[in-house]
Protein backbone atom coordinates (compact mmCIF):
# COMPACT_ATOMS: atom_id res chain seq x y z
CA MET A 1 91.50 29.12 47.30
CA LEU A 2 91.17 30.76 43.89
CA LYS A 3 88.81 29.04 41.48
CA GLN A 4 88.71 28.84 37.69
CA ASN A 5 86.71 31.52 35.85
CA THR A 6 84.73 31.84 32.67
CA LEU A 7 82.67 34.58 31.03
CA ALA A 8 79.32 35.45 32.60
CA ASN A 9 77.86 35.81 29.10
CA SER A 10 78.93 35.70 25.48
CA PHE A 11 80.03 38.68 23.40
CA SER A 12 80.83 39.30 19.75
CA LEU A 13 83.14 41.63 17.83
CA GLN A 14 83.50 42.46 14.14
CA GLY A 15 86.51 43.75 12.27
CA LYS A 16 88.92 43.26 9.41
CA GLY A 17 91.65 40.65 9.34
CA LEU A 18 95.21 41.99 9.30
CA HIS A 19 96.45 39.39 6.83
CA THR A 20 93.41 38.82 4.61
CA GLY A 21 91.53 42.12 4.90
CA LEU A 22 88.33 40.06 5.27
CA ASP A 23 85.40 41.17 7.39
CA ILE A 24 85.46 38.84 10.40
CA ASN A 25 82.93 37.98 13.10
CA ILE A 26 84.25 36.53 16.35
CA THR A 27 82.23 35.40 19.37
CA PHE A 28 83.47 34.45 22.84
CA TYR A 29 81.36 31.99 24.89
CA PRO A 30 81.47 30.74 28.48
CA ALA A 31 82.90 27.22 28.86
CA GLN A 32 82.87 24.53 31.53
CA ASP A 33 85.62 23.84 34.09
CA ASN A 34 88.95 22.58 32.70
CA HIS A 35 87.87 23.45 29.14
CA GLY A 36 90.75 25.83 28.48
CA TYR A 37 90.87 28.07 25.40
CA LYS A 38 89.43 26.46 22.26
CA ILE A 39 88.88 28.06 18.85
CA LYS A 40 86.11 26.88 16.50
CA ARG A 41 86.20 27.67 12.76
CA ILE A 42 82.46 27.97 12.09
CA ASP A 43 83.07 28.86 8.45
CA LEU A 44 84.38 25.37 7.68
CA GLU A 45 82.54 22.09 7.24
CA GLY A 46 82.33 20.20 10.50
CA GLU A 47 83.29 23.37 12.42
CA PRO A 48 86.70 22.02 13.51
CA ILE A 49 88.01 23.02 16.94
CA ILE A 50 91.65 23.90 17.69
CA ASP A 51 93.10 23.82 21.19
CA ALA A 52 94.94 27.10 21.78
CA LEU A 53 98.10 25.48 23.15
CA ALA A 54 101.78 26.19 22.54
CA GLU A 55 102.42 22.85 20.82
CA ASN A 56 99.76 23.72 18.22
CA VAL A 57 101.55 26.92 17.14
CA VAL A 58 102.68 26.49 13.53
CA ALA A 59 103.81 30.00 12.58
CA THR A 60 105.00 33.14 14.36
CA GLN A 61 105.54 35.69 11.59
CA ARG A 62 103.50 38.85 12.26
CA GLY A 63 101.34 37.03 14.80
CA THR A 64 100.80 33.66 16.44
CA VAL A 65 99.13 30.95 14.36
CA VAL A 66 97.62 27.77 15.81
CA ALA A 67 96.55 24.80 13.71
CA LYS A 68 94.96 21.38 13.84
CA LYS A 69 95.99 19.35 10.79
CA ASP A 70 95.34 21.70 7.85
CA VAL A 71 92.95 24.03 9.73
CA GLN A 72 94.50 27.13 11.25
CA VAL A 73 93.75 30.48 12.87
CA SER A 74 96.19 33.38 13.06
CA THR A 75 96.70 36.62 15.01
CA ILE A 76 95.23 35.17 18.21
CA GLU A 77 97.67 36.70 20.70
CA HIS A 78 95.84 39.95 21.53
CA ALA A 79 92.61 38.15 22.43
CA MET A 80 94.52 35.48 24.37
CA ALA A 81 96.29 38.19 26.38
CA ALA A 82 92.94 39.78 27.26
CA LEU A 83 91.47 36.46 28.42
CA TYR A 84 94.56 35.56 30.44
CA ALA A 85 94.93 38.99 32.06
CA SER A 86 91.24 38.96 33.01
CA GLY A 87 91.71 35.69 34.88
CA ILE A 88 89.52 33.70 32.48
CA ASP A 89 90.57 30.06 32.34
CA ASN A 90 87.85 28.58 30.10
CA CYS A 91 86.42 30.03 26.89
CA LEU A 92 85.12 28.81 23.53
CA ILE A 93 85.88 31.21 20.68
CA GLU A 94 83.98 31.00 17.39
CA VAL A 95 85.44 32.72 14.34
CA ASP A 96 84.28 32.73 10.72
CA ALA A 97 87.70 33.29 9.12
CA PRO A 98 91.26 31.95 9.25
CA GLU A 99 92.31 34.77 11.62
CA PHE A 100 91.07 36.94 14.46
CA PRO A 101 90.08 40.53 13.59
CA ILE A 102 92.90 43.02 14.15
CA LEU A 103 90.49 45.73 15.45
CA ASP A 104 92.78 48.59 16.56
CA GLY A 105 95.86 46.37 16.85
CA SER A 106 95.63 46.08 20.65
CA SER A 107 93.77 44.10 23.35
CA ARG A 108 91.57 47.06 24.27
CA TYR A 109 88.28 46.02 22.65
CA PHE A 110 88.52 42.48 24.01
CA ILE A 111 89.08 43.81 27.52
CA GLU A 112 86.19 46.27 27.22
CA GLU A 113 83.77 43.54 26.18
CA ILE A 114 84.96 41.17 28.93
CA ASN A 115 84.35 43.93 31.48
CA LYS A 116 80.85 44.51 30.09
CA VAL A 117 79.67 40.89 30.27
CA GLY A 118 81.55 40.05 33.47
CA ILE A 119 83.25 36.95 34.82
CA VAL A 120 81.85 34.08 36.90
CA GLU A 121 83.69 31.81 39.30
CA GLN A 122 83.56 28.07 38.66
CA ASN A 123 83.87 25.05 40.98
CA THR A 124 87.35 23.82 40.08
CA PRO A 125 90.44 25.30 41.78
CA LYS A 126 92.86 27.19 39.55
CA ASP A 127 95.79 25.02 38.55
CA TYR A 128 98.84 27.28 38.45
CA TYR A 129 102.15 26.63 36.78
CA ILE A 130 104.48 27.55 39.64
CA VAL A 131 107.97 28.49 38.48
CA LYS A 132 110.45 26.87 40.87
CA HIS A 133 113.69 27.35 38.97
CA LYS A 134 115.08 29.53 36.23
CA ILE A 135 114.11 28.65 32.65
CA GLU A 136 115.82 30.47 29.78
CA VAL A 137 115.67 30.51 26.01
CA VAL A 138 118.18 32.43 23.89
CA ASP A 139 118.42 33.19 20.19
CA GLU A 140 122.10 33.92 19.55
CA GLU A 141 121.38 35.15 16.03
CA THR A 142 118.90 37.87 16.99
CA GLY A 143 120.09 38.58 20.54
CA SER A 144 116.61 37.75 21.87
CA SER A 145 116.19 36.04 25.23
CA LEU A 146 113.40 35.14 27.62
CA ILE A 147 114.01 34.20 31.24
CA ILE A 148 111.33 33.08 33.68
CA LEU A 149 112.10 33.14 37.40
CA PRO A 150 110.24 32.14 40.58
CA ASP A 151 107.86 34.75 41.98
CA ASP A 152 104.70 34.73 44.08
CA LYS A 153 102.65 36.24 41.25
CA PHE A 154 102.80 36.77 37.47
CA SER A 155 104.87 39.78 36.39
CA LEU A 156 106.87 40.87 33.37
CA ASN A 157 109.75 43.08 32.29
CA VAL A 158 110.15 43.67 28.56
CA LEU A 159 113.01 45.41 26.75
CA ILE A 160 112.94 46.10 23.01
CA SER A 161 115.82 47.33 20.90
CA PHE A 162 115.90 48.32 17.22
CA ASP A 163 118.49 49.88 14.94
CA SER A 164 116.28 52.89 14.38
CA PRO A 165 116.61 56.63 15.03
CA VAL A 166 112.91 56.75 15.93
CA LEU A 167 112.46 53.54 17.95
CA ASN A 168 115.70 52.51 19.62
CA ASN A 169 115.54 51.15 23.19
CA GLN A 170 112.33 50.97 25.22
CA TYR A 171 111.16 48.95 28.19
CA ALA A 172 107.83 48.16 29.84
CA THR A 173 107.03 46.59 33.20
CA LEU A 174 103.89 44.99 34.57
CA ASN A 175 104.19 44.06 38.25
CA ASP A 176 100.53 43.19 38.77
CA ILE A 177 98.35 41.52 36.13
CA SER A 178 95.32 43.41 37.50
CA GLU A 179 96.81 46.57 35.96
CA PHE A 180 96.76 45.12 32.44
CA ALA A 181 93.44 46.73 31.47
CA THR A 182 94.52 50.27 32.38
CA GLU A 183 98.26 50.13 31.67
CA MET A 184 98.74 47.79 28.71
CA ALA A 185 95.58 46.79 26.84
CA ALA A 186 95.35 49.86 24.57
CA SER A 187 98.91 49.44 23.19
CA ARG A 188 98.81 48.82 19.43
CA THR A 189 101.04 46.71 17.24
CA PHE A 190 103.73 48.54 15.25
CA VAL A 191 105.48 48.28 11.91
CA PHE A 192 108.30 50.14 10.12
CA VAL A 193 107.48 51.77 6.79
CA ARG A 194 110.64 50.19 5.35
CA GLU A 195 109.12 46.74 6.13
CA VAL A 196 105.72 47.37 4.59
CA GLU A 197 106.63 46.56 0.98
CA ALA A 198 107.96 43.11 1.92
CA LEU A 199 104.91 42.45 4.09
CA LEU A 200 102.57 43.44 1.27
CA ASN A 201 104.43 41.20 -1.17
CA ASN A 202 103.93 38.27 1.26
CA ASN A 203 100.22 39.04 1.77
CA LEU A 204 100.79 39.68 5.48
CA ILE A 205 99.07 43.04 6.05
CA LYS A 206 96.20 43.41 3.57
CA GLY A 207 94.04 44.70 6.43
CA GLY A 208 96.63 47.09 7.86
CA ASP A 209 96.07 50.83 8.08
CA LEU A 210 97.11 53.90 10.07
CA ASP A 211 94.46 53.22 12.76
CA ASN A 212 95.24 49.61 13.71
CA ALA A 213 99.03 49.85 13.91
CA ILE A 214 101.75 52.30 14.90
CA VAL A 215 103.59 53.08 11.67
CA ILE A 216 107.20 54.19 12.10
CA TYR A 217 108.93 56.21 9.39
CA ASP A 218 112.64 56.03 10.27
CA LYS A 219 114.34 55.95 6.87
CA GLU A 220 113.68 58.51 4.16
CA MET A 221 111.97 57.21 1.01
CA PRO A 222 110.91 58.91 -2.25
CA GLN A 223 107.34 60.23 -2.13
CA GLU A 224 106.54 58.01 -5.13
CA ALA A 225 107.46 54.91 -3.12
CA LEU A 226 105.32 56.10 -0.22
CA LYS A 227 102.37 56.65 -2.54
CA LYS A 228 102.79 53.14 -3.95
CA LEU A 229 102.67 51.70 -0.44
CA SER A 230 99.55 53.73 0.34
CA ASP A 231 97.87 52.36 -2.76
CA GLY A 232 98.90 48.83 -1.79
CA LEU A 233 97.33 49.25 1.63
CA ASN A 234 94.33 51.08 0.16
CA ILE A 235 94.77 54.00 2.55
CA PRO A 236 94.96 57.75 1.80
CA TYR A 237 98.39 58.97 0.79
CA LYS A 238 100.28 61.25 3.19
CA ASN A 239 103.06 63.63 2.21
CA ILE A 240 105.66 62.74 4.86
CA THR A 241 108.55 65.16 5.27
CA SER A 242 110.16 64.13 8.56
CA LEU A 243 111.01 60.93 10.43
CA GLY A 244 108.71 59.78 13.22
CA TYR A 245 105.34 58.17 13.84
CA ILE A 246 102.83 58.77 11.04
CA ASN A 247 99.59 57.52 12.62
CA ASN A 248 96.20 59.17 12.48
CA ILE A 249 95.88 58.49 16.21
CA PRO A 250 98.78 59.67 18.42
CA LEU A 251 100.66 57.32 20.74
CA VAL A 252 98.66 56.21 23.77
CA TYR A 253 101.89 55.86 25.80
CA ASP A 254 105.41 57.12 25.15
CA ASN A 255 106.59 53.50 25.26
CA GLU A 256 103.58 52.03 23.46
CA PRO A 257 105.67 49.67 21.25
CA ALA A 258 107.33 48.11 24.32
CA ARG A 259 103.95 47.77 26.03
CA HIS A 260 102.56 46.06 22.96
CA LYS A 261 105.44 43.57 22.99
CA LEU A 262 104.50 42.86 26.60
CA ILE A 263 100.93 42.10 25.45
CA ASP A 264 102.35 39.69 22.87
CA VAL A 265 104.38 37.88 25.54
CA ILE A 266 101.27 37.47 27.73
CA GLY A 267 99.21 36.26 24.77
CA ASP A 268 101.80 33.66 23.84
CA MET A 269 102.26 32.53 27.48
CA ALA A 270 98.49 32.05 27.74
CA LEU A 271 98.99 29.07 25.45
CA ILE A 272 100.65 27.00 28.18
CA GLY A 273 97.13 26.27 29.43
CA LYS A 274 97.66 27.40 33.04
CA PRO A 275 98.08 30.73 34.83
CA ILE A 276 101.70 31.34 35.79
CA ARG A 277 103.30 32.27 39.07
CA GLY A 278 106.65 33.64 37.98
CA ARG A 279 108.44 36.69 36.56
CA ILE A 280 109.34 36.88 32.87
CA ILE A 281 112.27 39.03 31.76
CA ALA A 282 112.08 39.40 27.99
CA THR A 283 114.83 41.01 25.93
CA ARG A 284 113.90 41.71 22.30
CA PRO A 285 110.98 39.26 22.44
CA GLY A 286 109.09 38.00 19.41
CA HIS A 287 106.44 35.38 18.77
CA LYS A 288 109.02 32.77 17.76
CA ILE A 289 111.07 32.90 20.96
CA ASN A 290 107.93 33.42 23.06
CA ASN A 291 106.62 30.14 21.70
CA GLN A 292 109.93 28.40 22.39
CA LEU A 293 109.57 29.28 26.08
CA ALA A 294 105.90 28.31 26.11
CA ARG A 295 106.75 24.93 24.58
CA LEU A 296 109.44 24.34 27.23
CA ILE A 297 106.90 25.06 29.93
CA ARG A 298 104.33 22.77 28.28
CA LYS A 299 106.94 20.02 28.20
CA ASP A 300 107.65 20.56 31.89
CA ILE A 301 103.92 20.42 32.65
CA LYS A 302 103.57 17.09 30.84
CA LEU A 303 106.60 15.60 32.61
CA ASN A 304 105.30 16.84 35.97
CA GLU A 305 101.55 16.66 35.52
CA VAL A 306 101.05 17.56 39.16
CA GLN A 307 103.46 20.10 40.62
CA ALA A 308 104.84 19.59 44.11
CA PRO A 309 103.54 22.10 46.69
CA ILE A 310 105.95 24.75 47.89
CA TYR A 311 107.20 23.93 51.39
CA ASP A 312 108.91 26.62 53.44
CA PRO A 313 109.80 25.25 56.92
CA ASN A 314 110.16 28.82 58.20
CA ILE A 315 106.41 29.43 57.85
CA PRO A 316 104.33 28.31 60.88
CA PRO A 317 101.96 25.40 60.12
CA VAL A 318 98.19 25.90 59.97
CA MET A 319 97.88 22.72 62.10
CA ASP A 320 100.65 21.45 64.35
CA VAL A 321 100.89 17.90 65.67
CA ASN A 322 98.95 18.79 68.82
CA ARG A 323 95.97 19.99 66.79
CA ILE A 324 96.24 16.95 64.54
CA LYS A 325 96.06 14.68 67.60
CA GLU A 326 92.86 16.45 68.67
CA LEU A 327 91.24 15.54 65.35
CA LEU A 328 92.72 12.11 64.52
CA PRO A 329 92.58 9.09 66.83
CA HIS A 330 95.95 7.74 65.60
CA ARG A 331 98.91 7.58 67.97
CA TYR A 332 102.49 6.28 67.94
CA PRO A 333 103.60 4.43 65.95
CA PHE A 334 100.75 5.05 63.53
CA LEU A 335 100.33 8.83 63.38
CA LEU A 336 101.85 9.61 59.99
CA VAL A 337 101.30 13.36 59.61
CA ASP A 338 103.58 15.83 61.43
CA LYS A 339 101.91 19.09 60.40
CA ILE A 340 99.53 20.74 57.92
CA ILE A 341 101.02 23.67 56.00
CA GLU A 342 98.08 24.59 53.75
CA ILE A 343 94.35 23.93 53.77
CA GLY A 344 91.47 25.17 51.64
CA ALA A 345 87.90 24.21 50.85
CA ASN A 346 89.01 21.54 48.38
CA HIS A 347 92.62 20.69 49.18
CA ILE A 348 95.12 20.14 51.98
CA VAL A 349 98.92 19.88 52.16
CA GLY A 350 100.64 17.93 54.93
CA VAL A 351 104.23 17.13 55.85
CA LYS A 352 105.93 14.11 57.41
CA ASN A 353 109.62 13.83 58.11
CA ILE A 354 110.97 10.30 57.63
CA THR A 355 113.78 9.32 60.04
CA VAL A 356 115.74 6.13 60.49
CA ASN A 357 114.13 5.79 63.95
CA GLU A 358 110.74 4.88 62.41
CA PRO A 359 109.89 1.44 63.88
CA PHE A 360 108.98 -0.12 60.52
CA PHE A 361 112.56 0.29 59.24
CA GLN A 362 113.66 -2.46 61.66
CA GLY A 363 112.02 -5.01 59.40
CA HIS A 364 111.46 -3.19 56.07
CA PHE A 365 114.26 -3.70 55.17
CA PRO A 366 117.18 -3.67 57.67
CA GLN A 367 119.90 -3.57 55.00
CA GLU A 368 118.01 -1.22 52.67
CA PRO A 369 115.39 0.74 54.64
CA VAL A 370 112.37 1.63 52.53
CA MET A 371 109.08 3.07 53.83
CA PRO A 372 106.27 0.56 53.13
CA GLY A 373 103.92 1.62 50.37
CA VAL A 374 100.85 0.84 52.48
CA LEU A 375 102.05 3.35 55.08
CA LEU A 376 102.48 6.01 52.42
CA VAL A 377 98.87 5.39 51.44
CA GLU A 378 97.91 5.55 55.13
CA ALA A 379 99.68 8.92 55.43
CA MET A 380 97.60 10.15 52.48
CA ALA A 381 94.45 8.79 54.10
CA GLN A 382 95.15 10.56 57.40
CA THR A 383 95.85 13.84 55.60
CA GLY A 384 92.65 13.41 53.58
CA GLY A 385 90.77 12.74 56.80
CA LEU A 386 91.88 16.12 58.13
CA LEU A 387 90.60 17.76 54.94
CA VAL A 388 87.19 16.12 55.36
CA LEU A 389 87.00 17.00 59.06
CA ASN A 390 87.80 20.60 58.21
CA SER A 391 84.48 20.77 56.31
CA VAL A 392 82.24 20.18 59.37
CA ASP A 393 81.42 22.08 62.52
CA GLU A 394 82.83 20.58 65.71
CA PRO A 395 85.24 18.25 63.85
CA GLU A 396 86.32 16.64 67.14
CA ARG A 397 82.94 14.87 67.21
CA TYR A 398 83.51 13.06 63.89
CA SER A 399 85.75 10.35 62.48
CA THR A 400 86.62 9.41 58.91
CA TYR A 401 86.75 5.85 57.63
CA PHE A 402 88.17 4.97 54.24
CA MET A 403 85.93 2.92 52.00
CA LYS A 404 88.03 2.49 48.88
CA ILE A 405 91.58 3.05 47.65
CA ASP A 406 92.11 2.80 43.90
CA GLN A 407 94.60 3.52 41.10
CA VAL A 408 97.60 3.45 43.44
CA LYS A 409 100.92 4.07 41.71
CA PHE A 410 104.32 3.95 43.41
CA ARG A 411 106.84 5.94 41.40
CA GLN A 412 109.79 6.39 43.76
CA LYS A 413 111.14 4.92 47.01
CA VAL A 414 110.84 6.88 50.27
CA VAL A 415 113.86 6.38 52.56
CA PRO A 416 115.23 7.75 55.85
CA GLY A 417 116.10 11.44 55.57
CA ASP A 418 113.26 12.21 53.14
CA THR A 419 110.59 14.78 53.87
CA ILE A 420 107.34 13.80 52.21
CA ILE A 421 104.80 16.42 51.14
CA LEU A 422 101.24 15.09 50.99
CA ARG A 423 98.71 16.89 48.80
CA ILE A 424 95.10 15.70 48.86
CA GLU A 425 92.33 17.35 46.86
CA LEU A 426 88.62 16.66 46.54
CA SER A 427 87.67 15.19 43.16
CA VAL A 428 84.00 16.17 43.68
CA PRO A 429 82.24 18.04 46.49
CA ILE A 430 81.43 16.01 49.62
CA ARG A 431 77.91 14.54 49.34
CA ARG A 432 75.99 12.69 52.06
CA GLY A 433 79.12 12.28 54.10
CA ILE A 434 81.05 10.61 51.26
CA SER A 435 84.21 12.22 49.88
CA THR A 436 86.18 11.21 46.79
CA MET A 437 89.76 12.46 46.74
CA LYS A 438 92.98 12.34 44.74
CA GLY A 439 96.18 12.06 46.75
CA TYR A 440 99.83 12.71 45.92
CA VAL A 441 103.05 12.17 47.85
CA PHE A 442 106.12 14.16 46.82
CA VAL A 443 109.76 13.97 47.80
CA GLY A 444 111.21 17.30 46.74
CA GLU A 445 109.92 17.97 43.24
CA LYS A 446 109.42 14.28 42.42
CA LEU A 447 106.09 12.49 42.62
CA ALA A 448 106.53 9.34 44.73
CA VAL A 449 102.98 8.01 45.10
CA GLU A 450 99.52 8.81 43.80
CA ALA A 451 96.14 7.26 44.57
CA GLU A 452 92.39 7.78 44.47
CA LEU A 453 90.66 7.62 47.85
CA MET A 454 87.05 7.42 49.04
CA ALA A 455 86.10 8.10 52.67
CA GLN A 456 83.00 8.36 54.82
CA ILE A 457 82.62 10.86 57.63
CA VAL A 458 80.75 9.50 60.66
CA LYS A 459 79.59 11.21 63.83
CA ASN A 460 81.10 9.61 66.92
CA LYS A 461 78.75 7.81 69.29
């Protein structure tokens, strides 16, 4: 089972801010399990910390801005994309300015430093957001749309479209996040010369230059106007005679703008707080609509704090009922696990089909058959017992006895015809034969029961 990751060591970078032009120092530190991405403004009194989450995004013009009350940090998306694509789940970021440094306008330097210091595995399993149905956001005014679909891994397709003779239609695809460093990270942000004056007037690109952005000249302007823009950006004036890209550094990829938009999508999706298993199809994406999708996902996460496991009855079980009977002493009518479909070092997923022939339905209740809550807890306990037994050699020589059941919550009835999915996970590693577990029972996508369990494993006499 994949575990959460953090940095093996800290690293620092220095550079100018795109919006302010300030010299900025930023440092990335390892963080403990379940910490997530947090940003600390060390230049402010009290060094306030902002959670880098979609609901904390307060602005999306020329970069993603997160805030806590009146404290904010902007242009975070390129660093977030690098952390996410590297598989880092937990990181504390210290910055001494109201924005991240723009560097070369890409994720390249962040990726390079992450590769230098390395990544370490932590104890807690990764908690994925598994896309189980189509989610879509559409902006009718701009023609932008983002669709996320079920997939067994995280992948993206991005299409950009502009009314421009230089940059018209482009697309970029990333089928495997492991290719981010080599195929996407070096793609820089881009801007049209015709937009620069408005951006300067709104103090949005004081730190912009011909090295940290792709500059697109697609509409002829008087040389005097171009010189004025050069002076405003404090960069050397160029005598431009033809339409095209006017950078000091040539394009890294033919479709570098589309690849950069893909970086932005990843950076904004990182703010959902979990790695994603799903495919995103983005048409004319931007930070605003990216954040709309991220907020929808965050809302779904809050409504379904624990996602139901995926159950495909066509896949053979990892334990059938015959193997279960070798490990558990329970027999009819008290064996309440039909099969195990997934098992790891810290979790297990079991299945039980509920039929009207279950003996307890004769008295609970004949006119409205409902599975007794205590039996649902017993089904969790038996599944948890199999998880504990899986941790020892010669499991047939051991038994598990439950010592405590706590915080039981019944959220939905279980009735004949239901298939219940039981997920049990260790809360802490097993110590001295004692295991503490959290159990969930699902019917379809809905959580029916949850409980905390404690068990002891004992060698049979």
